[in-house]
C-alpha atoms as a PDB file:
ATOM      1  CA  LEU A   1      -4.593   1.258  -8.423  1.00  0.00           C
ATOM      2  CA  HIS A   2      -4.108  -2.266  -9.282  1.00  0.00           C
ATOM      3  CA  ILE A   3      -6.412  -4.965  -8.504  1.00  0.00           C
ATOM      4  CA  GLN A   4      -6.717  -8.750  -8.644  1.00  0.00           C
ATOM      5  CA  ASN A   5      -7.696  -9.716 -11.712  1.00  0.00           C
ATOM      6  CA  VAL A   6      -8.647  -6.288 -12.828  1.00  0.00           C
ATOM      7  CA  GLY A   7      -4.734  -5.409 -13.159  1.00  0.00           C
ATOM      8  CA  TRP A   8      -3.863  -1.332 -13.575  1.00  0.00           C
ATOM      9  CA  GLN A   9      -7.155   1.139 -13.021  1.00  0.00           C
ATOM     10  CA  ARG A  10      -6.480   4.427 -14.215  1.00  0.00           C
ATOM     11  CA  TYR A  11      -5.911   7.580 -11.768  1.00  0.00           C
ATOM     12  CA  GLU A  12      -8.918   8.540  -9.905  1.00  0.00           C
ATOM     13  CA  VAL A  13      -8.880  12.466  -9.281  1.00  0.00           C
ATOM     14  CA  ASP A  14     -11.434  14.315  -7.245  1.00  0.00           C
ATOM     15  CA  GLY A  15     -14.834  14.819  -8.968  1.00  0.00           C
ATOM     16  CA  ASP A  16     -13.719  12.652 -12.040  1.00  0.00           C
ATOM     17  CA  ALA A  17     -15.865   9.310 -10.940  1.00  0.00           C
ATOM     18  CA  PRO A  18     -19.118   8.642 -10.127  1.00  0.00           C
ATOM     19  CA  SER A  19     -20.299   8.802  -6.999  1.00  0.00           C
ATOM     20  CA  SER A  20     -20.326   6.078  -4.286  1.00  0.00           C
ATOM     21  CA  GLY A  21     -23.775   6.559  -3.528  1.00  0.00           C
ATOM     22  CA  GLU A  22     -23.671   4.847  -0.096  1.00  0.00           C
ATOM     23  CA  GLY A  23     -24.554   8.777   1.403  1.00  0.00           C
ATOM     24  CA  THR A  24     -21.361  10.726   0.644  1.00  0.00           C
ATOM     25  CA  SER A  25     -20.785  13.414  -1.532  1.00  0.00           C
ATOM     26  CA  ASP A  26     -21.403  13.738  -5.336  1.00  0.00           C
ATOM     27  CA  GLY A  27     -18.498  13.294  -7.446  1.00  0.00           C
ATOM     28  CA  ASP A  28     -16.722  11.309  -4.284  1.00  0.00           C
ATOM     29  CA  PRO A  29     -13.817   9.149  -5.860  1.00  0.00           C
ATOM     30  CA  ILE A  30     -13.809   5.525  -5.486  1.00  0.00           C
ATOM     31  CA  MET A  31     -10.570   3.736  -5.682  1.00  0.00           C
ATOM     32  CA  GLY A  32     -10.998  -0.345  -6.554  1.00  0.00           C
ATOM     33  CA  THR A  33     -13.925  -2.236  -7.136  1.00  0.00           C
ATOM     34  CA  THR A  34     -17.525  -2.470  -4.759  1.00  0.00           C
ATOM     35  CA  GLY A  35     -19.513  -6.019  -4.273  1.00  0.00           C
ATOM     36  CA  GLN A  36     -16.868  -7.899  -6.207  1.00  0.00           C
ATOM     37  CA  ALA A  37     -14.374  -9.324  -3.456  1.00  0.00           C
ATOM     38  CA  LEU A  38     -11.442  -8.366  -5.662  1.00  0.00           C
ATOM     39  CA  ARG A  39      -8.387  -6.689  -3.437  1.00  0.00           C
ATOM     40  CA  ILE A  40      -6.584  -4.039  -4.239  1.00  0.00           C
ATOM     41  CA  GLU A  41      -2.897  -5.009  -4.656  1.00  0.00           C
ATOM     42  CA  MET A  42      -0.706  -1.658  -5.242  1.00  0.00           C
ATOM     43  CA  ILE A  43      -1.392   1.431  -4.809  1.00  0.00           C
ATOM     44  CA  ILE A  44       0.374   4.492  -6.800  1.00  0.00           C
ATOM     45  CA  MET A  45      -0.721   7.650  -5.298  1.00  0.00           C
ATOM     46  CA  ARG A  46       0.460  11.594  -6.095  1.00  0.00           C
ATOM     47  CA  VAL A  47      -1.234  15.085  -5.566  1.00  0.00           C
ATOM     48  CA  LEU A  48      -2.324  16.899  -9.113  1.00  0.00           C
ATOM     49  CA  LYS A  49      -3.027  20.659  -8.013  1.00  0.00           C
ATOM     50  CA  ARG A  50      -0.419  22.159  -5.337  1.00  0.00           C
ATOM     51  CA  PRO A  51      -0.937  25.490  -4.043  1.00  0.00           C
ATOM     52  CA  GLU A  52       1.910  27.823  -5.983  1.00  0.00           C
ATOM     53  CA  GLY A  53       5.081  27.607  -3.926  1.00  0.00           C
ATOM     54  CA  ASP A  54       4.403  24.714  -2.144  1.00  0.00           C
ATOM     55  CA  LYS A  55       6.900  22.210  -2.062  1.00  0.00           C
ATOM     56  CA  ARG A  56       6.171  19.652   0.133  1.00  0.00           C
ATOM     57  CA  LYS A  57       5.466  15.918  -1.226  1.00  0.00           C
ATOM     58  CA  LEU A  58       2.909  13.072  -0.422  1.00  0.00           C
ATOM     59  CA  TYR A  59       4.342  10.168   1.379  1.00  0.00           C
ATOM     60  CA  PHE A  60       2.097   6.435   1.917  1.00  0.00           C
ATOM     61  CA  ARG A  61       2.531   3.843   3.074  1.00  0.00           C
ATOM     62  CA  VAL A  62       0.645   0.388   3.083  1.00  0.00           C
ATOM     63  CA  HIS A  63      -0.089  -2.608   5.453  1.00  0.00           C
ATOM     64  CA  LYS A  64       0.327  -5.247   3.056  1.00  0.00           C
ATOM     65  CA  GLN A  65      -1.503  -8.898   4.213  1.00  0.00           C
ATOM     66  CA  ASN A  66       0.777 -11.674   5.862  1.00  0.00           C
ATOM     67  CA  TYR A  67       3.878  -9.087   6.034  1.00  0.00           C
ATOM     68  CA  GLY A  68       2.493  -5.616   8.155  1.00  0.00           C
ATOM     69  CA  TRP A  69       3.891  -2.274   7.110  1.00  0.00           C
ATOM     70  CA  LEU A  70       6.027  -1.753   4.630  1.00  0.00           C
ATOM     71  CA  GLY A  71       7.862   1.872   3.743  1.00  0.00           C
ATOM     72  CA  TRP A  72       7.276   4.854   3.034  1.00  0.00           C
ATOM     73  CA  THR A  73       6.839   5.535  -0.635  1.00  0.00           C
ATOM     74  CA  PRO A  74       7.012   8.728  -2.030  1.00  0.00           C
ATOM     75  CA  GLU A  75       4.740  10.486  -4.382  1.00  0.00           C
ATOM     76  CA  GLY A  76       4.211   8.502  -8.267  1.00  0.00           C
ATOM     77  CA  PHE A  77       5.936   4.827  -7.122  1.00  0.00           C
ATOM     78  CA  ALA A  78       4.394   1.784  -6.656  1.00  0.00           C
ATOM     79  CA  SER A  79       3.484   0.135  -2.820  1.00  0.00           C
ATOM     80  CA  GLY A  80       1.627  -2.662  -2.792  1.00  0.00           C
ATOM     81  CA  SER A  81       2.437  -6.679  -3.239  1.00  0.00           C
ATOM     82  CA  ASP A  82       4.027  -7.508  -6.474  1.00  0.00           C
ATOM     83  CA  GLY A  83       2.880 -10.687  -8.191  1.00  0.00           C
ATOM     84  CA  GLU A  84       2.154 -12.421  -4.621  1.00  0.00           C
ATOM     85  CA  SER A  85      -1.472 -12.471  -4.595  1.00  0.00           C
ATOM     86  CA  LEU A  86      -1.651 -10.472  -1.096  1.00  0.00           C
ATOM     87  CA  ARG A  87      -4.296  -7.822  -0.374  1.00  0.00           C
ATOM     88  CA  LEU A  88      -3.130  -3.952   0.909  1.00  0.00           C
ATOM     89  CA  GLU A  89      -4.909  -3.515   4.340  1.00  0.00           C
ATOM     90  CA  ALA A  90      -3.886  -0.221   5.408  1.00  0.00           C
ATOM     91  CA  ILE A  91      -2.750   2.647   3.912  1.00  0.00           C
ATOM     92  CA  GLN A  92      -1.220   5.788   5.609  1.00  0.00           C
ATOM     93  CA  LEU A  93      -0.697   9.165   4.243  1.00  0.00           C
ATOM     94  CA  LYS A  94       2.184  12.582   4.951  1.00  0.00           C
ATOM     95  CA  ILE A  95       2.717  15.453   3.369  1.00  0.00           C
ATOM     96  CA  GLN A  96       6.191  17.009   4.482  1.00  0.00           C
END
């Protein structure tokens, strides 16, 4: 995850991040910042744990400010606004 004025942040793994404190379950990971008005500019996603024998892959696409939907990106690769100072406005996931 690349955040405006902060840079790349480490991967958040289920149960590895502090709770949001906003009525959700304990240990739910937070990606980004809260209360700082900083945009998420790029993201890399990957599945860390799969059932044995599951060969499916995660694909995701992002909706970039002033541009729209970018193409589907396979897990492990980055998608977003590299050096353009544009925010990601939505993320869509699929497994196939």
